[in-house]
C-alpha atoms as a PDB file:
ATOM      1  CA  ASP A   1      73.501 117.950  92.525  1.00  0.00           C
ATOM      2  CA  GLU A   2      77.272 118.950  92.123  1.00  0.00           C
ATOM      3  CA  GLN A   3      78.424 117.876  96.050  1.00  0.00           C
ATOM      4  CA  ARG A   4      77.741 113.871  94.779  1.00  0.00           C
ATOM      5  CA  LEU A   5      79.291 111.699  92.492  1.00  0.00           C
ATOM      6  CA  VAL A   6      76.954 108.939  90.798  1.00  0.00           C
ATOM      7  CA  THR A   7      79.627 106.100  89.200  1.00  0.00           C
ATOM      8  CA  GLY A   8      80.025 102.322  88.621  1.00  0.00           C
ATOM      9  CA  PRO A   9      82.045  99.769  90.559  1.00  0.00           C
ATOM     10  CA  GLY A  10      84.659  99.832  88.342  1.00  0.00           C
ATOM     11  CA  VAL A  11      86.219 103.505  88.037  1.00  0.00           C
ATOM     12  CA  THR A  12      89.572 104.130  89.596  1.00  0.00           C
ATOM     13  CA  LEU A  13      90.844 106.633  92.150  1.00  0.00           C
ATOM     14  CA  GLY A  14      92.831 108.459  89.455  1.00  0.00           C
ATOM     15  CA  GLY A  15      90.007 108.258  87.391  1.00  0.00           C
ATOM     16  CA  VAL A  16      88.017 110.350  90.255  1.00  0.00           C
ATOM     17  CA  ASN A  17      90.334 113.028  90.394  1.00  0.00           C
ATOM     18  CA  ASP A  18      90.601 113.990  87.403  1.00  0.00           C
ATOM     19  CA  PHE A  19      86.810 114.061  87.378  1.00  0.00           C
ATOM     20  CA  LEU A  20      86.265 115.685  90.947  1.00  0.00           C
ATOM     21  CA  LEU A  21      89.298 117.942  91.301  1.00  0.00           C
ATOM     22  CA  PRO A  22      88.752 120.463  88.162  1.00  0.00           C
ATOM     23  CA  LYS A  23      85.722 121.311  89.543  1.00  0.00           C
ATOM     24  CA  GLY A  24      86.784 121.546  92.877  1.00  0.00           C
ATOM     25  CA  ARG A  25      85.409 118.531  94.662  1.00  0.00           C
ATOM     26  CA  LEU A  26      87.082 115.933  96.606  1.00  0.00           C
ATOM     27  CA  LEU A  27      86.309 112.383  97.561  1.00  0.00           C
ATOM     28  CA  PRO A  28      88.471 111.424 100.333  1.00  0.00           C
ATOM     29  CA  ALA A  29      89.970 107.746  99.434  1.00  0.00           C
ATOM     30  CA  GLY A  30      93.399 106.680  99.028  1.00  0.00           C
ATOM     31  CA  SER A  31      96.484 107.992  97.051  1.00  0.00           C
ATOM     32  CA  CYS A  32      97.007 104.772  94.410  1.00  0.00           C
ATOM     33  CA  SER A  33      95.924 105.879  91.683  1.00  0.00           C
ATOM     34  CA  GLY A  34      95.224 102.546  90.016  1.00  0.00           C
ATOM     35  CA  VAL A  35      93.090 101.109  92.427  1.00  0.00           C
ATOM     36  CA  GLY A  36      89.310 100.855  91.771  1.00  0.00           C
ATOM     37  CA  LEU A  37      86.503 102.729  93.707  1.00  0.00           C
ATOM     38  CA  ALA A  38      83.820 100.172  94.765  1.00  0.00           C
ATOM     39  CA  GLY A  39      86.731  97.731  96.224  1.00  0.00           C
ATOM     40  CA  LEU A  40      88.500 100.259  98.694  1.00  0.00           C
ATOM     41  CA  ALA A  41      84.773 101.717  99.491  1.00  0.00           C
ATOM     42  CA  LEU A  42      83.459  98.758 100.751  1.00  0.00           C
ATOM     43  CA  GLY A  43      86.406  97.913 103.194  1.00  0.00           C
ATOM     44  CA  GLY A  44      86.370 101.559 104.542  1.00  0.00           C
ATOM     45  CA  GLY A  45      88.777 103.029 102.423  1.00  0.00           C
ATOM     46  CA  TYR A  46      91.455 105.277 103.904  1.00  0.00           C
ATOM     47  CA  GLY A  47      94.175 108.348 102.632  1.00  0.00           C
ATOM     48  CA  LEU A  48      95.822 111.383 103.474  1.00  0.00           C
ATOM     49  CA  PHE A  49      92.597 113.290 103.621  1.00  0.00           C
ATOM     50  CA  SER A  50      90.909 110.329 106.230  1.00  0.00           C
ATOM     51  CA  ARG A  51      91.662 111.996 109.416  1.00  0.00           C
ATOM     52  CA  GLN A  52      89.734 115.723 107.936  1.00  0.00           C
ATOM     53  CA  TYR A  53      87.122 114.133 106.526  1.00  0.00           C
ATOM     54  CA  GLY A  54      86.389 110.499 106.834  1.00  0.00           C
ATOM     55  CA  LEU A  55      86.613 107.230 105.656  1.00  0.00           C
ATOM     56  CA  THR A  56      85.565 107.041 101.637  1.00  0.00           C
ATOM     57  CA  CYS A  57      82.828 104.664 103.029  1.00  0.00           C
ATOM     58  CA  ASP A  58      81.579 106.816 105.326  1.00  0.00           C
ATOM     59  CA  HIS A  59      80.700 109.669 101.971  1.00  0.00           C
ATOM     60  CA  LEU A  60      78.611 106.507 100.534  1.00  0.00           C
ATOM     61  CA  GLU A  61      74.970 106.731  99.994  1.00  0.00           C
ATOM     62  CA  ARG A  62      73.504 104.962  98.033  1.00  0.00           C
ATOM     63  CA  VAL A  63      74.167 101.701  96.139  1.00  0.00           C
ATOM     64  CA  ARG A  64      72.388  98.902  93.911  1.00  0.00           C
ATOM     65  CA  MET A  65      73.379  95.528  93.595  1.00  0.00           C
ATOM     66  CA  VAL A  66      72.645  92.421  91.891  1.00  0.00           C
ATOM     67  CA  ASP A  67      72.441  90.031  94.701  1.00  0.00           C
ATOM     68  CA  GLY A  68      72.733  86.331  94.775  1.00  0.00           C
ATOM     69  CA  ARG A  69      69.528  85.552  93.694  1.00  0.00           C
ATOM     70  CA  GLY A  70      69.786  87.504  90.824  1.00  0.00           C
ATOM     71  CA  GLN A  71      67.773  90.598  92.521  1.00  0.00           C
ATOM     72  CA  ILE A  72      68.521  94.320  92.287  1.00  0.00           C
ATOM     73  CA  VAL A  73      68.775  95.460  95.590  1.00  0.00           C
ATOM     74  CA  ASP A  74      68.860  99.045  96.238  1.00  0.00           C
ATOM     75  CA  SER A  75      70.039 100.802  99.169  1.00  0.00           C
ATOM     76  CA  GLU A  76      66.841 103.321  99.142  1.00  0.00           C
ATOM     77  CA  GLN A  77      64.785 100.605  99.821  1.00  0.00           C
ATOM     78  CA  ASP A  78      66.892  98.741 101.559  1.00  0.00           C
ATOM     79  CA  PRO A  79      69.094 100.570 104.156  1.00  0.00           C
ATOM     80  CA  ASP A  80      70.885  97.091 105.288  1.00  0.00           C
ATOM     81  CA  LEU A  81      72.497  96.758 101.933  1.00  0.00           C
ATOM     82  CA  LEU A  82      74.284 100.433 102.789  1.00  0.00           C
ATOM     83  CA  TRP A  83      75.040  99.687 106.472  1.00  0.00           C
ATOM     84  CA  ALA A  84      76.622  96.679 104.975  1.00  0.00           C
ATOM     85  CA  CYS A  85      78.485  98.457 102.166  1.00  0.00           C
ATOM     86  CA  ARG A  86      80.229 100.989 104.606  1.00  0.00           C
ATOM     87  CA  GLY A  87      82.842  98.754 105.720  1.00  0.00           C
ATOM     88  CA  GLY A  88      81.672  95.461 105.539  1.00  0.00           C
ATOM     89  CA  GLY A  89      84.123  94.127 103.084  1.00  0.00           C
ATOM     90  CA  ASN A  90      83.532  92.504  99.410  1.00  0.00           C
ATOM     91  CA  GLY A  91      83.037  89.279  97.439  1.00  0.00           C
ATOM     92  CA  HIS A  92      80.382  88.787  99.852  1.00  0.00           C
ATOM     93  CA  PHE A  93      76.593  89.106  98.692  1.00  0.00           C
ATOM     94  CA  GLY A  94      76.414  90.394  94.889  1.00  0.00           C
ATOM     95  CA  VAL A  95      77.566  92.930  92.202  1.00  0.00           C
ATOM     96  CA  ILE A  96      77.768  96.517  93.004  1.00  0.00           C
ATOM     97  CA  THR A  97      76.903  97.965  89.609  1.00  0.00           C
ATOM     98  CA  SER A  98      76.429 101.741  90.737  1.00  0.00           C
ATOM     99  CA  MET A  99      77.016 103.903  93.853  1.00  0.00           C
ATOM    100  CA  VAL A 100      75.896 107.366  95.417  1.00  0.00           C
ATOM    101  CA  PHE A 101      78.832 109.442  97.355  1.00  0.00           C
ATOM    102  CA  ARG A 102      78.973 113.161  99.302  1.00  0.00           C
ATOM    103  CA  THR A 103      81.687 114.737  98.220  1.00  0.00           C
ATOM    104  CA  VAL A 104      83.884 117.251  99.895  1.00  0.00           C
ATOM    105  CA  LYS A 105      85.086 120.842  98.817  1.00  0.00           C
ATOM    106  CA  ALA A 106      88.458 120.072  97.990  1.00  0.00           C
ATOM    107  CA  PRO A 107      91.433 122.206  99.686  1.00  0.00           C
ATOM    108  CA  VAL A 108      93.195 124.663  97.557  1.00  0.00           C
ATOM    109  CA  PHE A 109      96.648 122.825  98.094  1.00  0.00           C
ATOM    110  CA  LEU A 110      98.726 119.770  99.800  1.00  0.00           C
ATOM    111  CA  ALA A 111     101.817 120.658 101.953  1.00  0.00           C
ATOM    112  CA  ALA A 112     104.375 117.890 102.151  1.00  0.00           C
ATOM    113  CA  GLN A 113     107.334 117.270 103.856  1.00  0.00           C
ATOM    114  CA  ARG A 114     109.556 114.034 103.877  1.00  0.00           C
ATOM    115  CA  PHE A 115     112.280 113.108 106.788  1.00  0.00           C
ATOM    116  CA  LYS A 116     114.758 110.733 106.659  1.00  0.00           C
ATOM    117  CA  ALA A 117     117.110 108.625 109.059  1.00  0.00           C
ATOM    118  CA  GLY A 118     119.501 105.753 108.076  1.00  0.00           C
ATOM    119  CA  PRO A 119     121.355 103.441 107.837  1.00  0.00           C
ATOM    120  CA  LEU A 120     120.083 102.311 111.484  1.00  0.00           C
ATOM    121  CA  THR A 121     121.002  99.462 113.540  1.00  0.00           C
ATOM    122  CA  VAL A 122     117.610  97.416 114.767  1.00  0.00           C
ATOM    123  CA  ALA A 123     117.793  99.369 118.078  1.00  0.00           C
ATOM    124  CA  GLN A 124     118.285 102.876 116.469  1.00  0.00           C
ATOM    125  CA  CYS A 125     115.170 101.834 114.073  1.00  0.00           C
ATOM    126  CA  GLN A 126     112.898 101.213 116.900  1.00  0.00           C
ATOM    127  CA  LYS A 127     113.855 104.183 118.576  1.00  0.00           C
ATOM    128  CA  ARG A 128     112.724 106.505 115.466  1.00  0.00           C
ATOM    129  CA  ILE A 129     109.219 104.433 115.273  1.00  0.00           C
ATOM    130  CA  ARG A 130     108.712 105.592 119.259  1.00  0.00           C
ATOM    131  CA  ALA A 131     109.697 109.267 118.701  1.00  0.00           C
ATOM    132  CA  TRP A 132     107.469 109.127 115.257  1.00  0.00           C
ATOM    133  CA  PHE A 133     104.654 107.848 117.548  1.00  0.00           C
ATOM    134  CA  GLU A 134     104.760 110.443 120.028  1.00  0.00           C
ATOM    135  CA  MET A 135     104.790 112.833 117.119  1.00  0.00           C
ATOM    136  CA  ALA A 136     101.660 111.558 115.452  1.00  0.00           C
ATOM    137  CA  GLU A 137      99.175 110.927 118.416  1.00  0.00           C
ATOM    138  CA  GLY A 138      99.498 115.123 118.805  1.00  0.00           C
ATOM    139  CA  LEU A 139      98.466 115.962 115.126  1.00  0.00           C
ATOM    140  CA  PRO A 140      95.446 118.021 114.329  1.00  0.00           C
ATOM    141  CA  GLU A 141      93.084 116.616 111.914  1.00  0.00           C
ATOM    142  CA  PRO A 142      94.287 118.324 108.987  1.00  0.00           C
ATOM    143  CA  MET A 143      97.234 116.418 108.958  1.00  0.00           C
ATOM    144  CA  TYR A 144      98.737 112.857 107.960  1.00  0.00           C
ATOM    145  CA  SER A 145     101.625 111.073 108.778  1.00  0.00           C
ATOM    146  CA  GLY A 146     103.032 107.565 107.580  1.00  0.00           C
ATOM    147  CA  CYS A 147     106.546 106.003 108.954  1.00  0.00           C
ATOM    148  CA  VAL A 148     107.879 103.891 106.673  1.00  0.00           C
ATOM    149  CA  VAL A 149     110.650 101.475 107.282  1.00  0.00           C
ATOM    150  CA  ASN A 150     112.453 100.409 104.415  1.00  0.00           C
ATOM    151  CA  GLY A 151     115.439  98.210 105.088  1.00  0.00           C
ATOM    152  CA  LYS A 152     117.897  99.974 107.612  1.00  0.00           C
ATOM    153  CA  HIS A 153     115.919 103.204 106.785  1.00  0.00           C
ATOM    154  CA  VAL A 154     113.371 105.258 108.391  1.00  0.00           C
ATOM    155  CA  THR A 155     111.198 107.359 106.373  1.00  0.00           C
ATOM    156  CA  VAL A 156     108.091 109.532 107.773  1.00  0.00           C
ATOM    157  CA  LEU A 157     106.005 111.631 105.454  1.00  0.00           C
ATOM    158  CA  LEU A 158     103.908 115.108 106.639  1.00  0.00           C
ATOM    159  CA  THR A 159     100.892 116.007 104.823  1.00  0.00           C
ATOM    160  CA  SER A 160      98.849 118.700 105.603  1.00  0.00           C
ATOM    161  CA  THR A 161      96.168 120.719 103.570  1.00  0.00           C
ATOM    162  CA  ALA A 162      96.532 123.970 106.008  1.00  0.00           C
ATOM    163  CA  ALA A 163     100.242 125.638 105.369  1.00  0.00           C
ATOM    164  CA  VAL A 164     103.443 123.920 105.530  1.00  0.00           C
ATOM    165  CA  ASN A 165     104.346 127.026 107.513  1.00  0.00           C
ATOM    166  CA  GLY A 166     101.734 126.520 110.127  1.00  0.00           C
ATOM    167  CA  PRO A 167     102.296 126.084 113.713  1.00  0.00           C
ATOM    168  CA  ALA A 168     101.352 122.516 113.599  1.00  0.00           C
ATOM    169  CA  PHE A 169     103.146 121.843 110.420  1.00  0.00           C
ATOM    170  CA  LYS A 170     106.209 123.092 112.333  1.00  0.00           C
ATOM    171  CA  ARG A 171     106.128 121.973 115.701  1.00  0.00           C
ATOM    172  CA  ALA A 172     105.927 118.152 114.087  1.00  0.00           C
ATOM    173  CA  GLY A 173     109.071 119.111 111.526  1.00  0.00           C
ATOM    174  CA  LYS A 174     110.608 120.235 114.654  1.00  0.00           C
ATOM    175  CA  ALA A 175     109.647 117.178 116.874  1.00  0.00           C
ATOM    176  CA  LEU A 176     111.611 114.877 113.755  1.00  0.00           C
ATOM    177  CA  SER A 177     114.552 116.619 113.510  1.00  0.00           C
ATOM    178  CA  GLU A 178     115.381 116.489 117.169  1.00  0.00           C
ATOM    179  CA  ALA A 179     114.835 113.010 116.980  1.00  0.00           C
ATOM    180  CA  GLY A 180     117.407 112.465 114.596  1.00  0.00           C
ATOM    181  CA  PHE A 181     115.543 112.699 111.045  1.00  0.00           C
ATOM    182  CA  LEU A 182     116.814 114.587 108.498  1.00  0.00           C
ATOM    183  CA  ALA A 183     114.325 116.725 107.008  1.00  0.00           C
ATOM    184  CA  GLY A 184     113.716 117.000 103.156  1.00  0.00           C
ATOM    185  CA  ALA A 185     112.393 120.667 101.550  1.00  0.00           C
ATOM    186  CA  ALA A 186     108.684 121.161 101.901  1.00  0.00           C
ATOM    187  CA  THR A 187     106.500 121.641  99.688  1.00  0.00           C
ATOM    188  CA  ASN A 188     103.268 123.025  98.841  1.00  0.00           C
ATOM    189  CA  ALA A 189     101.435 122.749  95.632  1.00  0.00           C
ATOM    190  CA  PRO A 190      97.877 122.907  94.180  1.00  0.00           C
ATOM    191  CA  LEU A 191      95.898 119.672  95.461  1.00  0.00           C
ATOM    192  CA  ALA A 192      96.196 117.919  92.256  1.00  0.00           C
ATOM    193  CA  THR A 193      99.515 118.396  90.989  1.00  0.00           C
ATOM    194  CA  ALA A 194     100.300 117.110  94.885  1.00  0.00           C
ATOM    195  CA  MET A 195      98.516 113.728  94.716  1.00  0.00           C
ATOM    196  CA  ARG A 196     100.031 112.903  91.317  1.00  0.00           C
ATOM    197  CA  ARG A 197     103.164 112.211  93.363  1.00  0.00           C
ATOM    198  CA  TYR A 198     101.395 109.425  95.316  1.00  0.00           C
ATOM    199  CA  TYR A 199     100.062 107.878  92.683  1.00  0.00           C
ATOM    200  CA  GLY A 200     102.241 104.545  92.437  1.00  0.00           C
ATOM    201  CA  VAL A 201     103.779 102.324  89.958  1.00  0.00           C
ATOM    202  CA  GLN A 202     101.448 102.298  87.019  1.00  0.00           C
ATOM    203  CA  LYS A 203     102.721  98.810  85.663  1.00  0.00           C
ATOM    204  CA  PRO A 204     101.902  95.436  87.057  1.00  0.00           C
ATOM    205  CA  LEU A 205     104.562  94.305  90.641  1.00  0.00           C
ATOM    206  CA  SER A 206     105.596  91.426  92.021  1.00  0.00           C
ATOM    207  CA  PHE A 207     104.902  91.982  95.477  1.00  0.00           C
ATOM    208  CA  ARG A 208     102.552  90.533  98.706  1.00  0.00           C
ATOM    209  CA  ASN A 209     100.983  93.457 101.156  1.00  0.00           C
ATOM    210  CA  PHE A 210      98.734  92.727 103.849  1.00  0.00           C
ATOM    211  CA  CYS A 211      97.911  94.436 107.221  1.00  0.00           C
ATOM    212  CA  GLY A 212     100.405  94.834 109.968  1.00  0.00           C
ATOM    213  CA  GLY A 213      97.541  95.264 112.872  1.00  0.00           C
ATOM    214  CA  MET A 214      95.391  98.413 113.635  1.00  0.00           C
ATOM    215  CA  ALA A 215      96.130  99.460 117.013  1.00  0.00           C
ATOM    216  CA  ASP A 216      96.117 102.310 119.424  1.00  0.00           C
ATOM    217  CA  GLY A 217      99.313 103.234 119.914  1.00  0.00           C
ATOM    218  CA  TYR A 218     103.374 102.040 120.165  1.00  0.00           C
ATOM    219  CA  ALA A 219     102.302 100.048 123.336  1.00  0.00           C
ATOM    220  CA  ASP A 220     100.852  97.702 121.024  1.00  0.00           C
ATOM    221  CA  TYR A 221     103.482  97.474 118.719  1.00  0.00           C
ATOM    222  CA  GLU A 222     106.292  97.288 120.791  1.00  0.00           C
ATOM    223  CA  PRO A 223     106.455  93.689 121.690  1.00  0.00           C
ATOM    224  CA  ALA A 224     106.914  92.934 118.168  1.00  0.00           C
ATOM    225  CA  LEU A 225     109.376  95.361 116.321  1.00  0.00           C
ATOM    226  CA  GLU A 226     112.826  94.131 116.911  1.00  0.00           C
ATOM    227  CA  GLY A 227     111.944  91.095 115.338  1.00  0.00           C
ATOM    228  CA  VAL A 228     109.611  92.769 112.756  1.00  0.00           C
ATOM    229  CA  ILE A 229     112.453  95.265 111.939  1.00  0.00           C
ATOM    230  CA  GLY A 230     115.424  92.469 111.971  1.00  0.00           C
ATOM    231  CA  GLU A 231     113.559  90.464 109.093  1.00  0.00           C
ATOM    232  CA  VAL A 232     112.714  93.770 107.312  1.00  0.00           C
ATOM    233  CA  GLN A 233     116.562  94.392 107.364  1.00  0.00           C
ATOM    234  CA  ARG A 234     117.301  90.798 106.318  1.00  0.00           C
ATOM    235  CA  GLU A 235     115.318  90.641 103.586  1.00  0.00           C
ATOM    236  CA  GLY A 236     114.696  94.025 102.132  1.00  0.00           C
ATOM    237  CA  LEU A 237     110.927  94.523 103.525  1.00  0.00           C
ATOM    238  CA  ILE A 238     108.706  97.294 104.195  1.00  0.00           C
ATOM    239  CA  PHE A 239     107.156  97.963 107.274  1.00  0.00           C
ATOM    240  CA  GLN A 240     104.839 101.152 107.176  1.00  0.00           C
ATOM    241  CA  ILE A 241     102.758 102.508 109.533  1.00  0.00           C
ATOM    242  CA  ASN A 242      99.699 104.991 108.974  1.00  0.00           C
ATOM    243  CA  THR A 243      97.896 107.818 111.092  1.00  0.00           C
ATOM    244  CA  MET A 244      94.376 106.869 111.503  1.00  0.00           C
ATOM    245  CA  GLY A 245      92.345 108.597 114.093  1.00  0.00           C
ATOM    246  CA  GLY A 246      90.337 112.031 113.982  1.00  0.00           C
ATOM    247  CA  ALA A 247      87.070 112.142 111.878  1.00  0.00           C
ATOM    248  CA  ILE A 248      87.454 108.359 111.416  1.00  0.00           C
ATOM    249  CA  MET A 249      86.331 108.328 114.946  1.00  0.00           C
ATOM    250  CA  ARG A 250      82.971 109.455 114.512  1.00  0.00           C
ATOM    251  CA  GLU A 251      80.451 107.471 114.623  1.00  0.00           C
ATOM    252  CA  VAL A 252      78.570 106.489 110.979  1.00  0.00           C
ATOM    253  CA  ASP A 253      75.941 103.629 110.705  1.00  0.00           C
ATOM    254  CA  GLY A 254      77.738 101.276 108.967  1.00  0.00           C
ATOM    255  CA  ALA A 255      79.505  97.799 109.346  1.00  0.00           C
ATOM    256  CA  TYR A 256      83.337  99.517 109.482  1.00  0.00           C
ATOM    257  CA  GLN A 257      84.514  98.318 113.100  1.00  0.00           C
ATOM    258  CA  HIS A 258      87.682 100.001 114.001  1.00  0.00           C
ATOM    259  CA  ARG A 259      86.668 103.302 114.109  1.00  0.00           C
ATOM    260  CA  GLN A 260      88.277 103.836 117.554  1.00  0.00           C
ATOM    261  CA  ARG A 261      91.943 102.215 116.471  1.00  0.00           C
ATOM    262  CA  ARG A 262      94.811 105.371 116.017  1.00  0.00           C
ATOM    263  CA  PHE A 263      97.075 103.678 113.871  1.00  0.00           C
ATOM    264  CA  LEU A 264      97.098 101.033 110.780  1.00  0.00           C
ATOM    265  CA  ALA A 265      99.989  98.985 110.078  1.00  0.00           C
ATOM    266  CA  GLU A 266     101.351  97.354 106.716  1.00  0.00           C
ATOM    267  CA  VAL A 267     104.117  94.777 105.304  1.00  0.00           C
ATOM    268  CA  GLN A 268     104.909  94.864 102.106  1.00  0.00           C
ATOM    269  CA  ALA A 269     107.089  92.707  99.994  1.00  0.00           C
ATOM    270  CA  TYR A 270     108.182  93.207  96.289  1.00  0.00           C
ATOM    271  CA  TRP A 271     110.603  90.933  94.359  1.00  0.00           C
ATOM    272  CA  GLU A 272     112.170  90.593  91.060  1.00  0.00           C
ATOM    273  CA  GLY A 273     112.383  86.934  89.445  1.00  0.00           C
ATOM    274  CA  VAL A 274     111.699  83.709  91.165  1.00  0.00           C
ATOM    275  CA  SER A 275     114.738  83.781  92.723  1.00  0.00           C
ATOM    276  CA  GLN A 276     114.005  86.034  95.206  1.00  0.00           C
ATOM    277  CA  ARG A 277     110.340  85.226  95.988  1.00  0.00           C
ATOM    278  CA  GLU A 278     110.318  82.656  98.473  1.00  0.00           C
ATOM    279  CA  GLY A 279     112.512  84.659 100.741  1.00  0.00           C
ATOM    280  CA  LYS A 280     110.185  87.432 100.626  1.00  0.00           C
ATOM    281  CA  LEU A 281     107.787  85.665 101.290  1.00  0.00           C
ATOM    282  CA  ALA A 282     108.968  83.696 104.158  1.00  0.00           C
ATOM    283  CA  GLY A 283     110.069  86.775 105.856  1.00  0.00           C
ATOM    284  CA  ALA A 284     107.033  88.553 105.591  1.00  0.00           C
ATOM    285  CA  GLU A 285     105.224  85.484 106.714  1.00  0.00           C
ATOM    286  CA  LYS A 286     107.762  85.860 110.076  1.00  0.00           C
ATOM    287  CA  VAL A 287     106.437  89.202 110.425  1.00  0.00           C
ATOM    288  CA  ARG A 288     102.716  88.398 110.286  1.00  0.00           C
ATOM    289  CA  ALA A 289     103.055  85.791 112.827  1.00  0.00           C
ATOM    290  CA  GLN A 290     105.645  88.240 115.103  1.00  0.00           C
ATOM    291  CA  LEU A 291     102.724  90.868 114.817  1.00  0.00           C
ATOM    292  CA  GLY A 292     100.046  88.621 115.068  1.00  0.00           C
ATOM    293  CA  GLU A 293     101.184  88.144 119.224  1.00  0.00           C
ATOM    294  CA  CYS A 294     100.335  91.675 119.958  1.00  0.00           C
ATOM    295  CA  VAL A 295      98.228  92.857 117.236  1.00  0.00           C
ATOM    296  CA  THR A 296      94.660  91.147 116.083  1.00  0.00           C
ATOM    297  CA  ALA A 297      92.339  93.680 114.598  1.00  0.00           C
ATOM    298  CA  HIS A 298      93.002  94.163 110.722  1.00  0.00           C
ATOM    299  CA  TYR A 299      92.249  96.476 107.890  1.00  0.00           C
ATOM    300  CA  ALA A 300      89.989  94.415 105.333  1.00  0.00           C
ATOM    301  CA  ASN A 301      91.048  95.938 102.431  1.00  0.00           C
ATOM    302  CA  TYR A 302      94.337  94.424 103.340  1.00  0.00           C
ATOM    303  CA  PRO A 303      93.696  91.054 104.045  1.00  0.00           C
ATOM    304  CA  ASN A 304      95.847  87.599 104.210  1.00  0.00           C
ATOM    305  CA  VAL A 305      94.850  83.990 104.367  1.00  0.00           C
ATOM    306  CA  ASN A 306      96.646  83.393 107.197  1.00  0.00           C
ATOM    307  CA  PHE A 307      95.313  86.054 109.644  1.00  0.00           C
ATOM    308  CA  PRO A 308      93.745  83.671 113.029  1.00  0.00           C
ATOM    309  CA  ASN A 309      89.967  84.550 113.334  1.00  0.00           C
ATOM    310  CA  TRP A 310      89.943  86.902 110.624  1.00  0.00           C
ATOM    311  CA  GLN A 311      86.289  87.248 110.695  1.00  0.00           C
ATOM    312  CA  LYS A 312      86.449  89.265 114.192  1.00  0.00           C
ATOM    313  CA  ALA A 313      90.138  90.669 112.994  1.00  0.00           C
ATOM    314  CA  TYR A 314      88.195  92.605 109.772  1.00  0.00           C
ATOM    315  CA  TYR A 315      84.650  92.838 111.063  1.00  0.00           C
ATOM    316  CA  GLY A 316      84.358  92.525 114.844  1.00  0.00           C
ATOM    317  CA  ALA A 317      80.528  92.682 116.199  1.00  0.00           C
ATOM    318  CA  SER A 318      79.275  93.608 112.714  1.00  0.00           C
ATOM    319  CA  TYR A 319      80.284  90.365 111.182  1.00  0.00           C
ATOM    320  CA  GLU A 320      76.714  88.206 112.591  1.00  0.00           C
ATOM    321  CA  ARG A 321      74.821  90.928 111.010  1.00  0.00           C
ATOM    322  CA  LEU A 322      76.800  90.445 108.121  1.00  0.00           C
ATOM    323  CA  GLN A 323      75.927  86.738 107.920  1.00  0.00           C
ATOM    324  CA  GLU A 324      72.111  87.495 108.259  1.00  0.00           C
ATOM    325  CA  LEU A 325      72.447  89.645 105.471  1.00  0.00           C
ATOM    326  CA  LYS A 326      74.487  86.867 104.035  1.00  0.00           C
ATOM    327  CA  LEU A 327      71.611  84.420 104.488  1.00  0.00           C
ATOM    328  CA  ARG A 328      69.088  87.145 102.795  1.00  0.00           C
ATOM    329  CA  TYR A 329      71.272  88.445  99.639  1.00  0.00           C
ATOM    330  CA  ASP A 330      73.288  85.319  98.850  1.00  0.00           C
ATOM    331  CA  PRO A 331      71.186  82.420 100.598  1.00  0.00           C
ATOM    332  CA  GLU A 332      72.733  79.383  97.964  1.00  0.00           C
ATOM    333  CA  ASN A 333      76.617  80.979  98.826  1.00  0.00           C
ATOM    334  CA  LEU A 334      77.178  82.114  95.085  1.00  0.00           C
ATOM    335  CA  PHE A 335      79.490  84.712  95.824  1.00  0.00           C
ATOM    336  CA  GLN A 336      82.517  83.162  97.800  1.00  0.00           C
ATOM    337  CA  HIS A 337      86.383  83.246  98.440  1.00  0.00           C
ATOM    338  CA  LEU A 338      88.338  82.100 101.016  1.00  0.00           C
ATOM    339  CA  GLN A 339      87.468  85.057 103.241  1.00  0.00           C
ATOM    340  CA  SER A 340      84.107  86.027 102.662  1.00  0.00           C
ATOM    341  CA  VAL A 341      81.352  85.811 104.840  1.00  0.00           C
ATOM    342  CA  ARG A 342      80.111  82.866 105.799  1.00  0.00           C
ATOM    343  CA  LEU A 343      76.392  81.304 105.500  1.00  0.00           C
ATOM    344  CA  PRO A 344      75.366  81.688 109.559  1.00  0.00           C
ATOM    345  CA  GLY A 345      75.546  77.739 110.916  1.00  0.00           C
END
């Protein structure tokens, strides 16, 4: 079947793209090439194409697992396993051994453009973020945008599987320019070429990242932004907000609970050498606490051990059912970590 991908859990996103794109197929996923497919998909899996096609887990059609009892479980005979693996996270029940995904026809090209503003004061930075939200709320499904606060600069990325000179792309770029962003050159590249620009660094890095909260709009983050931006500027952190919504909001039978959230924030801290580490981590923890005062829903693939009530934050109303499946698949709690699904009671 040319529309389906049968794979083991350890394949990377770069490997998936290298295999599928020459065949004219795409599995909507993230952009970092070194990320493992199973871990990404089990927690949801979003990226540049999610607003158009849905999450990676939405394309998962079959999964096999060796559970905590040493039994092989196949979702063909046990549909509850497929439900859990569509966004219920990983490391809970057993070892995934194979997966089958439905793929989509690959877009021919990807249009992209960056917009940058800075150096900015905290207030100026917050004003640009608000303008980005106003622009992003009106994007059509083929378009993605990310707003990155890095020190005293704000950078916006726009991508689209439609033409860079199309009306929606032009409208978004005009709104950003009017808000004080300087536009970089727009590109319209073949998909495989364009995606490599977002593959990330291919070597080990000293960093910590975690979810900055999933929300509906600017107002949800606003109470924390002044403090967050101040800490980002002091410590040289990164605060990024990504567009969700679109096809993600369509109903899918799975454990993923944040379909109606239109934005996903992320906090990143990078350091070189031990001397920088403590300051960066302390700053990141302050940002986590500030954001935690106003946003409490979190993406399971960007965890943090300090999230309060992580069960509800990651899994919402799905958690109790995940606990029931934990009892079925792993009654001795063989598979466990700090935020793995607990046995009932």
